[in-house]
PDB file of N, CA and C in Angstrom:
ATOM      1  N   MET A   1     136.274 286.227 135.064  1.00  0.00           N
ATOM      2  CA  MET A   1     137.709 286.322 135.251  1.00  0.00           C
ATOM      3  C   MET A   1     138.009 286.646 136.692  1.00  0.00           C
ATOM      4  N   ASN A   2     138.916 285.901 137.272  1.00  0.00           N
ATOM      5  CA  ASN A   2     139.348 286.169 138.644  1.00  0.00           C
ATOM      6  C   ASN A   2     140.718 286.820 138.621  1.00  0.00           C
ATOM      7  N   ILE A   3     140.905 287.783 139.524  1.00  0.00           N
ATOM      8  CA  ILE A   3     142.212 288.438 139.661  1.00  0.00           C
ATOM      9  C   ILE A   3     142.731 288.132 141.037  1.00  0.00           C
ATOM     10  N   LYS A   4     143.925 287.606 141.114  1.00  0.00           N
ATOM     11  CA  LYS A   4     144.578 287.286 142.381  1.00  0.00           C
ATOM     12  C   LYS A   4     145.812 288.166 142.514  1.00  0.00           C
ATOM     13  N   PRO A   5     145.775 289.162 143.419  1.00  0.00           N
ATOM     14  CA  PRO A   5     146.949 290.024 143.603  1.00  0.00           C
ATOM     15  C   PRO A   5     148.120 289.204 144.180  1.00  0.00           C
ATOM     16  N   LEU A   6     149.318 289.619 143.862  1.00  0.00           N
ATOM     17  CA  LEU A   6     150.517 288.927 144.320  1.00  0.00           C
ATOM     18  C   LEU A   6     151.180 289.702 145.446  1.00  0.00           C
ATOM     19  N   GLY A   7     151.904 288.987 146.271  1.00  0.00           N
ATOM     20  CA  GLY A   7     152.703 289.627 147.326  1.00  0.00           C
ATOM     21  C   GLY A   7     151.859 290.424 148.305  1.00  0.00           C
ATOM     22  N   ASP A   8     152.325 291.625 148.609  1.00  0.00           N
ATOM     23  CA  ASP A   8     151.664 292.503 149.578  1.00  0.00           C
ATOM     24  C   ASP A   8     150.717 293.468 148.897  1.00  0.00           C
ATOM     25  N   ARG A   9     149.882 292.975 147.986  1.00  0.00           N
ATOM     26  CA  ARG A   9     148.924 293.812 147.269  1.00  0.00           C
ATOM     27  C   ARG A   9     147.500 293.358 147.537  1.00  0.00           C
ATOM     28  N   ALA A  10     146.579 294.324 147.415  1.00  0.00           N
ATOM     29  CA  ALA A  10     145.156 294.034 147.601  1.00  0.00           C
ATOM     30  C   ALA A  10     144.396 294.506 146.373  1.00  0.00           C
ATOM     31  N   LEU A  11     143.360 293.752 145.992  1.00  0.00           N
ATOM     32  CA  LEU A  11     142.465 294.153 144.905  1.00  0.00           C
ATOM     33  C   LEU A  11     141.265 294.829 145.552  1.00  0.00           C
ATOM     34  N   ILE A  12     141.031 296.082 145.210  1.00  0.00           N
ATOM     35  CA  ILE A  12     139.975 296.871 145.836  1.00  0.00           C
ATOM     36  C   ILE A  12     139.013 297.382 144.774  1.00  0.00           C
ATOM     37  N   LYS A  13     137.724 297.255 145.079  1.00  0.00           N
ATOM     38  CA  LYS A  13     136.694 297.833 144.197  1.00  0.00           C
ATOM     39  C   LYS A  13     136.323 299.198 144.784  1.00  0.00           C
ATOM     40  N   PRO A  14     136.759 300.292 144.136  1.00  0.00           N
ATOM     41  CA  PRO A  14     136.445 301.622 144.664  1.00  0.00           C
ATOM     42  C   PRO A  14     134.939 301.873 144.652  1.00  0.00           C
ATOM     43  N   ASP A  15     134.472 302.651 145.630  1.00  0.00           N
ATOM     44  CA  ASP A  15     133.069 303.037 145.648  1.00  0.00           C
ATOM     45  C   ASP A  15     132.749 303.895 144.447  1.00  0.00           C
ATOM     46  N   ARG A  16     131.535 303.775 143.944  1.00  0.00           N
ATOM     47  CA  ARG A  16     131.107 304.581 142.797  1.00  0.00           C
ATOM     48  C   ARG A  16     131.085 306.067 143.171  1.00  0.00           C
ATOM     49  N   GLU A  17     131.372 306.877 142.200  1.00  0.00           N
ATOM     50  CA  GLU A  17     131.336 308.314 142.408  1.00  0.00           C
ATOM     51  C   GLU A  17     129.885 308.805 142.402  1.00  0.00           C
ATOM     52  N   GLU A  18     129.614 309.810 143.189  1.00  0.00           N
ATOM     53  CA  GLU A  18     128.281 310.397 143.182  1.00  0.00           C
ATOM     54  C   GLU A  18     128.064 311.116 141.863  1.00  0.00           C
ATOM     55  N   GLU A  19     126.890 310.946 141.284  1.00  0.00           N
ATOM     56  CA  GLU A  19     126.578 311.607 140.024  1.00  0.00           C
ATOM     57  C   GLU A  19     125.551 312.715 140.200  1.00  0.00           C
ATOM     58  N   VAL A  20     125.057 312.887 141.424  1.00  0.00           N
ATOM     59  CA  VAL A  20     124.116 313.971 141.739  1.00  0.00           C
ATOM     60  C   VAL A  20     124.650 314.688 142.965  1.00  0.00           C
ATOM     61  N   THR A  21     124.741 316.008 142.902  1.00  0.00           N
ATOM     62  CA  THR A  21     125.245 316.769 144.045  1.00  0.00           C
ATOM     63  C   THR A  21     124.179 316.822 145.124  1.00  0.00           C
ATOM     64  N   ALA A  22     124.573 317.305 146.303  1.00  0.00           N
ATOM     65  CA  ALA A  22     123.645 317.387 147.424  1.00  0.00           C
ATOM     66  C   ALA A  22     122.459 318.298 147.104  1.00  0.00           C
ATOM     67  N   SER A  23     122.670 319.279 146.259  1.00  0.00           N
ATOM     68  CA  SER A  23     121.584 320.198 145.893  1.00  0.00           C
ATOM     69  C   SER A  23     120.744 319.682 144.720  1.00  0.00           C
ATOM     70  N   GLY A  24     121.079 318.468 144.224  1.00  0.00           N
ATOM     71  CA  GLY A  24     120.257 317.853 143.184  1.00  0.00           C
ATOM     72  C   GLY A  24     120.767 318.083 141.767  1.00  0.00           C
ATOM     73  N   ILE A  25     121.929 318.665 141.589  1.00  0.00           N
ATOM     74  CA  ILE A  25     122.476 318.895 140.258  1.00  0.00           C
ATOM     75  C   ILE A  25     123.124 317.602 139.767  1.00  0.00           C
ATOM     76  N   VAL A  26     122.727 317.158 138.582  1.00  0.00           N
ATOM     77  CA  VAL A  26     123.274 315.943 138.001  1.00  0.00           C
ATOM     78  C   VAL A  26     124.559 316.280 137.273  1.00  0.00           C
ATOM     79  N   LEU A  27     125.640 315.570 137.591  1.00  0.00           N
ATOM     80  CA  LEU A  27     126.928 315.822 136.958  1.00  0.00           C
ATOM     81  C   LEU A  27     127.085 314.894 135.770  1.00  0.00           C
ATOM     82  N   PRO A  28     127.333 315.435 134.580  1.00  0.00           N
ATOM     83  CA  PRO A  28     127.502 314.573 133.397  1.00  0.00           C
ATOM     84  C   PRO A  28     128.832 313.832 133.454  1.00  0.00           C
ATOM     85  N   ASP A  29     128.957 312.795 132.618  1.00  0.00           N
ATOM     86  CA  ASP A  29     130.184 311.986 132.610  1.00  0.00           C
ATOM     87  C   ASP A  29     131.400 312.802 132.189  1.00  0.00           C
ATOM     88  N   THR A  30     131.206 313.928 131.524  1.00  0.00           N
ATOM     89  CA  THR A  30     132.331 314.725 131.055  1.00  0.00           C
ATOM     90  C   THR A  30     132.960 315.557 132.157  1.00  0.00           C
ATOM     91  N   VAL A  31     132.285 315.670 133.300  1.00  0.00           N
ATOM     92  CA  VAL A  31     132.860 316.423 134.428  1.00  0.00           C
ATOM     93  C   VAL A  31     133.965 315.597 135.070  1.00  0.00           C
ATOM     94  N   ASP A  32     135.109 316.220 135.325  1.00  0.00           N
ATOM     95  CA  ASP A  32     136.234 315.533 135.956  1.00  0.00           C
ATOM     96  C   ASP A  32     135.945 315.411 137.440  1.00  0.00           C
ATOM     97  N   LYS A  33     135.403 314.267 137.842  1.00  0.00           N
ATOM     98  CA  LYS A  33     135.031 314.057 139.246  1.00  0.00           C
ATOM     99  C   LYS A  33     136.248 313.524 140.009  1.00  0.00           C
ATOM    100  N   GLU A  34     136.384 313.937 141.239  1.00  0.00           N
ATOM    101  CA  GLU A  34     137.496 313.479 142.055  1.00  0.00           C
ATOM    102  C   GLU A  34     137.245 312.018 142.446  1.00  0.00           C
ATOM    103  N   LYS A  35     138.290 311.222 142.353  1.00  0.00           N
ATOM    104  CA  LYS A  35     138.176 309.818 142.693  1.00  0.00           C
ATOM    105  C   LYS A  35     137.964 309.645 144.192  1.00  0.00           C
ATOM    106  N   LYS A  36     137.099 308.712 144.550  1.00  0.00           N
ATOM    107  CA  LYS A  36     136.863 308.421 145.950  1.00  0.00           C
ATOM    108  C   LYS A  36     138.067 307.686 146.511  1.00  0.00           C
ATOM    109  N   ALA A  37     138.271 307.813 147.779  1.00  0.00           N
ATOM    110  CA  ALA A  37     139.434 307.209 148.413  1.00  0.00           C
ATOM    111  C   ALA A  37     139.029 306.083 149.332  1.00  0.00           C
ATOM    112  N   TRP A  38     137.924 305.400 149.046  1.00  0.00           N
ATOM    113  CA  TRP A  38     137.519 304.241 149.839  1.00  0.00           C
ATOM    114  C   TRP A  38     136.879 303.212 148.935  1.00  0.00           C
ATOM    115  N   GLY A  39     136.879 301.974 149.421  1.00  0.00           N
ATOM    116  CA  GLY A  39     136.315 300.908 148.634  1.00  0.00           C
ATOM    117  C   GLY A  39     136.297 299.618 149.431  1.00  0.00           C
ATOM    118  N   THR A  40     136.028 298.505 148.742  1.00  0.00           N
ATOM    119  CA  THR A  40     135.889 297.194 149.388  1.00  0.00           C
ATOM    120  C   THR A  40     136.984 296.264 148.873  1.00  0.00           C
ATOM    121  N   ILE A  41     137.615 295.540 149.790  1.00  0.00           N
ATOM    122  CA  ILE A  41     138.639 294.572 149.405  1.00  0.00           C
ATOM    123  C   ILE A  41     137.958 293.359 148.775  1.00  0.00           C
ATOM    124  N   MET A  42     138.396 293.022 147.551  1.00  0.00           N
ATOM    125  CA  MET A  42     137.840 291.895 146.824  1.00  0.00           C
ATOM    126  C   MET A  42     138.750 290.669 146.894  1.00  0.00           C
ATOM    127  N   ALA A  43     140.064 290.890 146.992  1.00  0.00           N
ATOM    128  CA  ALA A  43     141.033 289.797 147.074  1.00  0.00           C
ATOM    129  C   ALA A  43     142.322 290.323 147.693  1.00  0.00           C
ATOM    130  N   LEU A  44     143.070 289.403 148.309  1.00  0.00           N
ATOM    131  CA  LEU A  44     144.324 289.775 148.963  1.00  0.00           C
ATOM    132  C   LEU A  44     145.446 288.857 148.487  1.00  0.00           C
ATOM    133  N   GLY A  45     146.644 289.425 148.358  1.00  0.00           N
ATOM    134  CA  GLY A  45     147.823 288.629 148.065  1.00  0.00           C
ATOM    135  C   GLY A  45     148.265 287.913 149.329  1.00  0.00           C
ATOM    136  N   GLY A  46     149.309 287.115 149.224  1.00  0.00           N
ATOM    137  CA  GLY A  46     149.769 286.320 150.355  1.00  0.00           C
ATOM    138  C   GLY A  46     150.998 286.866 151.054  1.00  0.00           C
ATOM    139  N   GLY A  47     151.321 288.143 150.844  1.00  0.00           N
ATOM    140  CA  GLY A  47     152.523 288.715 151.427  1.00  0.00           C
ATOM    141  C   GLY A  47     152.482 288.870 152.937  1.00  0.00           C
ATOM    142  N   GLU A  48     153.649 288.823 153.549  1.00  0.00           N
ATOM    143  CA  GLU A  48     153.763 288.905 155.011  1.00  0.00           C
ATOM    144  C   GLU A  48     153.308 290.270 155.553  1.00  0.00           C
ATOM    145  N   GLU A  49     153.693 291.350 154.899  1.00  0.00           N
ATOM    146  CA  GLU A  49     153.323 292.690 155.384  1.00  0.00           C
ATOM    147  C   GLU A  49     151.806 292.858 155.350  1.00  0.00           C
ATOM    148  N   LEU A  50     151.168 292.330 154.340  1.00  0.00           N
ATOM    149  CA  LEU A  50     149.698 292.433 154.220  1.00  0.00           C
ATOM    150  C   LEU A  50     149.036 291.620 155.322  1.00  0.00           C
ATOM    151  N   LYS A  51     149.575 290.462 155.654  1.00  0.00           N
ATOM    152  CA  LYS A  51     148.999 289.622 156.719  1.00  0.00           C
ATOM    153  C   LYS A  51     149.055 290.329 158.069  1.00  0.00           C
ATOM    154  N   LYS A  52     150.123 291.094 158.311  1.00  0.00           N
ATOM    155  CA  LYS A  52     150.273 291.829 159.569  1.00  0.00           C
ATOM    156  C   LYS A  52     149.166 292.847 159.781  1.00  0.00           C
ATOM    157  N   LEU A  53     148.595 293.370 158.677  1.00  0.00           N
ATOM    158  CA  LEU A  53     147.525 294.371 158.795  1.00  0.00           C
ATOM    159  C   LEU A  53     146.198 293.741 159.235  1.00  0.00           C
ATOM    160  N   GLY A  54     146.050 292.433 159.110  1.00  0.00           N
ATOM    161  CA  GLY A  54     144.828 291.764 159.544  1.00  0.00           C
ATOM    162  C   GLY A  54     143.627 292.053 158.676  1.00  0.00           C
ATOM    163  N   LEU A  55     143.853 292.395 157.403  1.00  0.00           N
ATOM    164  CA  LEU A  55     142.756 292.680 156.494  1.00  0.00           C
ATOM    165  C   LEU A  55     142.123 291.384 155.994  1.00  0.00           C
ATOM    166  N   LYS A  56     140.860 291.477 155.581  1.00  0.00           N
ATOM    167  CA  LYS A  56     140.188 290.316 155.004  1.00  0.00           C
ATOM    168  C   LYS A  56     139.268 290.779 153.879  1.00  0.00           C
ATOM    169  N   THR A  57     138.924 289.840 153.023  1.00  0.00           N
ATOM    170  CA  THR A  57     138.023 290.138 151.906  1.00  0.00           C
ATOM    171  C   THR A  57     136.696 290.680 152.462  1.00  0.00           C
ATOM    172  N   GLY A  58     136.191 291.739 151.860  1.00  0.00           N
ATOM    173  CA  GLY A  58     134.944 292.343 152.296  1.00  0.00           C
ATOM    174  C   GLY A  58     135.133 293.552 153.181  1.00  0.00           C
ATOM    175  N   ASP A  59     136.351 293.762 153.725  1.00  0.00           N
ATOM    176  CA  ASP A  59     136.621 294.965 154.547  1.00  0.00           C
ATOM    177  C   ASP A  59     136.487 296.221 153.680  1.00  0.00           C
ATOM    178  N   ARG A  60     135.901 297.263 154.282  1.00  0.00           N
ATOM    179  CA  ARG A  60     135.865 298.578 153.612  1.00  0.00           C
ATOM    180  C   ARG A  60     137.051 299.352 154.118  1.00  0.00           C
ATOM    181  N   VAL A  61     137.834 299.896 153.169  1.00  0.00           N
ATOM    182  CA  VAL A  61     139.072 300.561 153.531  1.00  0.00           C
ATOM    183  C   VAL A  61     139.175 301.938 152.895  1.00  0.00           C
ATOM    184  N   VAL A  62     140.005 302.771 153.512  1.00  0.00           N
ATOM    185  CA  VAL A  62     140.369 304.070 152.969  1.00  0.00           C
ATOM    186  C   VAL A  62     141.773 303.913 152.406  1.00  0.00           C
ATOM    187  N   PHE A  63     141.990 304.422 151.198  1.00  0.00           N
ATOM    188  CA  PHE A  63     143.302 304.282 150.577  1.00  0.00           C
ATOM    189  C   PHE A  63     143.736 305.605 149.928  1.00  0.00           C
ATOM    190  N   GLU A  64     145.020 305.711 149.642  1.00  0.00           N
ATOM    191  CA  GLU A  64     145.545 306.917 148.991  1.00  0.00           C
ATOM    192  C   GLU A  64     144.873 307.095 147.636  1.00  0.00           C
ATOM    193  N   LYS A  65     144.442 308.319 147.351  1.00  0.00           N
ATOM    194  CA  LYS A  65     143.690 308.588 146.133  1.00  0.00           C
ATOM    195  C   LYS A  65     144.407 308.215 144.858  1.00  0.00           C
ATOM    196  N   TRP A  66     145.690 308.483 144.791  1.00  0.00           N
ATOM    197  CA  TRP A  66     146.391 308.292 143.518  1.00  0.00           C
ATOM    198  C   TRP A  66     147.346 307.106 143.566  1.00  0.00           C
ATOM    199  N   GLY A  67     147.215 306.239 144.539  1.00  0.00           N
ATOM    200  CA  GLY A  67     148.102 305.093 144.644  1.00  0.00           C
ATOM    201  C   GLY A  67     147.601 303.915 143.820  1.00  0.00           C
ATOM    202  N   GLY A  68     148.474 302.970 143.548  1.00  0.00           N
ATOM    203  CA  GLY A  68     148.098 301.723 142.913  1.00  0.00           C
ATOM    204  C   GLY A  68     147.874 301.806 141.418  1.00  0.00           C
ATOM    205  N   GLU A  69     147.390 300.695 140.871  1.00  0.00           N
ATOM    206  CA  GLU A  69     147.128 300.566 139.438  1.00  0.00           C
ATOM    207  C   GLU A  69     145.658 300.277 139.207  1.00  0.00           C
ATOM    208  N   GLU A  70     145.066 300.931 138.205  1.00  0.00           N
ATOM    209  CA  GLU A  70     143.672 300.654 137.860  1.00  0.00           C
ATOM    210  C   GLU A  70     143.605 299.493 136.885  1.00  0.00           C
ATOM    211  N   VAL A  71     142.624 298.626 137.082  1.00  0.00           N
ATOM    212  CA  VAL A  71     142.396 297.478 136.224  1.00  0.00           C
ATOM    213  C   VAL A  71     140.909 297.429 135.895  1.00  0.00           C
ATOM    214  N   LYS A  72     140.577 297.278 134.619  1.00  0.00           N
ATOM    215  CA  LYS A  72     139.188 297.149 134.197  1.00  0.00           C
ATOM    216  C   LYS A  72     138.953 295.741 133.708  1.00  0.00           C
ATOM    217  N   VAL A  73     137.849 295.132 134.203  1.00  0.00           N
ATOM    218  CA  VAL A  73     137.500 293.762 133.851  1.00  0.00           C
ATOM    219  C   VAL A  73     136.117 293.771 133.226  1.00  0.00           C
ATOM    220  N   GLY A  74     135.935 293.056 132.131  1.00  0.00           N
ATOM    221  CA  GLY A  74     134.670 293.003 131.439  1.00  0.00           C
ATOM    222  C   GLY A  74     134.597 294.001 130.311  1.00  0.00           C
ATOM    223  N   LYS A  75     133.451 294.048 129.645  1.00  0.00           N
ATOM    224  CA  LYS A  75     133.279 294.947 128.510  1.00  0.00           C
ATOM    225  C   LYS A  75     131.915 295.631 128.586  1.00  0.00           C
ATOM    226  N   GLY A  76     131.836 296.820 127.998  1.00  0.00           N
ATOM    227  CA  GLY A  76     130.576 297.543 127.922  1.00  0.00           C
ATOM    228  C   GLY A  76     130.021 297.877 129.285  1.00  0.00           C
ATOM    229  N   LYS A  77     128.706 297.683 129.450  1.00  0.00           N
ATOM    230  CA  LYS A  77     128.085 298.027 130.739  1.00  0.00           C
ATOM    231  C   LYS A  77     128.434 297.044 131.848  1.00  0.00           C
ATOM    232  N   ASP A  78     129.046 295.898 131.476  1.00  0.00           N
ATOM    233  CA  ASP A  78     129.474 294.916 132.488  1.00  0.00           C
ATOM    234  C   ASP A  78     130.897 295.166 132.983  1.00  0.00           C
ATOM    235  N   GLU A  79     131.524 296.227 132.470  1.00  0.00           N
ATOM    236  CA  GLU A  79     132.907 296.538 132.851  1.00  0.00           C
ATOM    237  C   GLU A  79     132.960 297.016 134.306  1.00  0.00           C
ATOM    238  N   VAL A  80     133.892 296.453 135.063  1.00  0.00           N
ATOM    239  CA  VAL A  80     134.084 296.813 136.465  1.00  0.00           C
ATOM    240  C   VAL A  80     135.514 297.305 136.655  1.00  0.00           C
ATOM    241  N   GLU A  81     135.658 298.399 137.385  1.00  0.00           N
ATOM    242  CA  GLU A  81     136.982 298.958 137.631  1.00  0.00           C
ATOM    243  C   GLU A  81     137.459 298.591 139.033  1.00  0.00           C
ATOM    244  N   TYR A  82     138.690 298.123 139.104  1.00  0.00           N
ATOM    245  CA  TYR A  82     139.334 297.783 140.367  1.00  0.00           C
ATOM    246  C   TYR A  82     140.640 298.538 140.490  1.00  0.00           C
ATOM    247  N   LYS A  83     141.172 298.557 141.708  1.00  0.00           N
ATOM    248  CA  LYS A  83     142.516 299.078 141.943  1.00  0.00           C
ATOM    249  C   LYS A  83     143.336 297.994 142.625  1.00  0.00           C
ATOM    250  N   ILE A  84     144.584 297.844 142.174  1.00  0.00           N
ATOM    251  CA  ILE A  84     145.510 296.952 142.837  1.00  0.00           C
ATOM    252  C   ILE A  84     146.475 297.847 143.610  1.00  0.00           C
ATOM    253  N   LEU A  85     146.432 297.717 144.947  1.00  0.00           N
ATOM    254  CA  LEU A  85     147.202 298.592 145.817  1.00  0.00           C
ATOM    255  C   LEU A  85     148.196 297.815 146.661  1.00  0.00           C
ATOM    256  N   PRO A  86     149.421 298.362 146.833  1.00  0.00           N
ATOM    257  CA  PRO A  86     150.340 297.751 147.790  1.00  0.00           C
ATOM    258  C   PRO A  86     149.858 298.043 149.219  1.00  0.00           C
ATOM    259  N   HIS A  87     150.313 297.212 150.152  1.00  0.00           N
ATOM    260  CA  HIS A  87     149.843 297.310 151.532  1.00  0.00           C
ATOM    261  C   HIS A  87     150.023 298.700 152.125  1.00  0.00           C
ATOM    262  N   ASP A  88     151.081 299.412 151.754  1.00  0.00           N
ATOM    263  CA  ASP A  88     151.340 300.714 152.373  1.00  0.00           C
ATOM    264  C   ASP A  88     150.491 301.846 151.813  1.00  0.00           C
ATOM    265  N   LYS A  89     149.666 301.586 150.809  1.00  0.00           N
ATOM    266  CA  LYS A  89     148.727 302.601 150.298  1.00  0.00           C
ATOM    267  C   LYS A  89     147.350 302.479 150.949  1.00  0.00           C
ATOM    268  N   ILE A  90     147.131 301.408 151.725  1.00  0.00           N
ATOM    269  CA  ILE A  90     145.883 301.241 152.467  1.00  0.00           C
ATOM    270  C   ILE A  90     146.046 301.937 153.797  1.00  0.00           C
ATOM    271  N   LEU A  91     145.196 302.940 154.059  1.00  0.00           N
ATOM    272  CA  LEU A  91     145.379 303.807 155.205  1.00  0.00           C
ATOM    273  C   LEU A  91     144.564 303.431 156.436  1.00  0.00           C
ATOM    274  N   ALA A  92     143.372 302.896 156.248  1.00  0.00           N
ATOM    275  CA  ALA A  92     142.489 302.616 157.392  1.00  0.00           C
ATOM    276  C   ALA A  92     141.404 301.642 156.995  1.00  0.00           C
ATOM    277  N   VAL A  93     140.848 300.962 158.002  1.00  0.00           N
ATOM    278  CA  VAL A  93     139.686 300.105 157.824  1.00  0.00           C
ATOM    279  C   VAL A  93     138.484 300.852 158.359  1.00  0.00           C
ATOM    280  N   MET A  94     137.402 300.886 157.622  1.00  0.00           N
ATOM    281  CA  MET A  94     136.185 301.559 158.073  1.00  0.00           C
ATOM    282  C   MET A  94     135.340 300.564 158.850  1.00  0.00           C
ATOM    283  N   GLU A  95     134.944 300.949 160.074  1.00  0.00           N
ATOM    284  CA  GLU A  95     134.121 300.066 160.903  1.00  0.00           C
ATOM    285  C   GLU A  95     132.752 300.649 161.129  1.00  0.00           C
TER     286      GLU A  95
END
Protein backbone atom coordinates (compact mmCIF):
# COMPACT_ATOMS: atom_id res chain seq x y z
CA MET A 1 0.00 0.00 0.00
CA ASN A 2 1.31 3.42 -0.94
CA ILE A 3 0.41 6.57 0.96
CA LYS A 4 0.60 9.91 -0.84
CA PRO A 5 0.24 12.92 1.48
CA LEU A 6 -1.82 15.81 0.15
CA GLY A 7 -1.05 19.51 0.09
CA ASP A 8 1.67 20.73 2.44
CA ARG A 9 2.06 17.44 4.33
CA ALA A 10 4.89 14.93 4.58
CA LEU A 11 4.81 11.20 5.37
CA ILE A 12 7.54 10.46 7.91
CA LYS A 13 8.73 7.15 9.31
CA PRO A 14 9.76 7.92 12.91
CA ASP A 15 12.97 6.34 14.18
CA ARG A 16 12.46 3.30 16.38
CA GLU A 17 12.54 3.84 20.10
CA GLU A 18 15.47 2.48 22.06
CA GLU A 19 14.53 -0.64 23.98
CA VAL A 20 17.76 -0.91 25.99
CA THR A 21 19.04 1.92 28.18
CA ALA A 22 22.66 3.09 28.09
CA SER A 23 23.34 1.05 31.24
CA GLY A 24 21.96 -2.11 29.59
CA ILE A 25 18.50 -2.23 31.17
CA VAL A 26 15.92 -3.65 28.76
CA LEU A 27 12.67 -1.68 28.74
CA PRO A 28 9.53 -3.83 28.29
CA ASP A 29 6.79 -2.82 25.86
CA THR A 30 4.59 -1.81 28.80
CA VAL A 31 6.90 1.09 29.70
CA ASP A 32 5.57 4.42 28.38
CA LYS A 33 8.54 5.45 26.26
CA GLU A 34 8.82 9.01 25.00
CA LYS A 35 8.30 9.30 21.27
CA LYS A 36 11.34 10.25 19.24
CA ALA A 37 11.20 13.54 17.44
CA TRP A 38 13.11 12.57 14.31
CA GLY A 39 12.60 10.32 11.35
CA THR A 40 12.92 9.87 7.58
CA ILE A 41 10.70 11.44 4.93
CA MET A 42 9.02 8.69 2.90
CA ALA A 43 6.73 10.83 0.69
CA LEU A 44 5.85 14.48 0.16
CA GLY A 45 2.66 16.26 -0.87
CA GLY A 46 2.67 18.79 -3.69
CA GLY A 47 1.89 21.93 -1.67
CA GLU A 48 3.66 25.23 -2.31
CA GLU A 49 4.75 25.81 1.31
CA LEU A 50 6.33 22.35 1.43
CA LYS A 51 8.22 22.99 -1.83
CA LYS A 52 9.71 26.19 -0.35
CA LEU A 53 11.37 24.10 2.38
CA GLY A 54 13.40 22.18 -0.23
CA LEU A 55 12.74 18.80 1.40
CA LYS A 56 13.09 15.53 -0.50
CA THR A 57 12.31 11.88 0.07
CA GLY A 58 14.99 10.26 2.24
CA ASP A 59 15.83 13.41 4.25
CA ARG A 60 16.18 12.87 8.00
CA VAL A 61 14.20 15.51 9.85
CA VAL A 62 13.40 16.70 13.35
CA PHE A 63 9.71 17.30 13.99
CA GLU A 64 7.42 18.34 16.83
CA LYS A 65 6.86 15.39 19.16
CA TRP A 66 3.09 15.60 19.34
CA GLY A 67 2.29 17.04 15.92
CA GLY A 68 0.59 15.31 13.01
CA GLU A 69 -1.41 12.12 12.68
CA GLU A 70 -0.18 8.56 13.23
CA VAL A 71 -0.94 6.00 10.52
CA LYS A 72 -0.25 2.26 10.75
CA VAL A 73 0.17 0.22 7.57
CA GLY A 74 0.27 -3.58 7.45
CA LYS A 75 -0.63 -6.20 10.04
CA GLY A 76 1.14 -8.11 12.78
CA LYS A 77 4.94 -8.00 12.72
CA ASP A 78 4.81 -6.36 9.26
CA GLU A 79 2.97 -3.33 10.65
CA VAL A 80 4.81 -0.04 10.08
CA GLU A 81 3.97 3.22 11.83
CA TYR A 82 4.17 6.54 10.00
CA LYS A 83 3.32 10.14 10.83
CA ILE A 84 1.63 12.55 8.47
CA LEU A 85 2.85 16.04 9.36
CA PRO A 86 2.02 19.49 8.01
CA HIS A 87 4.99 21.51 6.77
CA ASP A 88 5.03 23.75 9.86
CA LYS A 89 5.59 20.80 12.23
CA ILE A 90 8.90 19.90 10.53
CA LEU A 91 11.57 21.79 12.45
CA ALA A 92 14.94 20.91 10.90
CA VAL A 93 16.81 18.71 8.45
CA MET A 94 19.58 16.56 9.93
CA GLU A 95 22.81 16.65 7.92
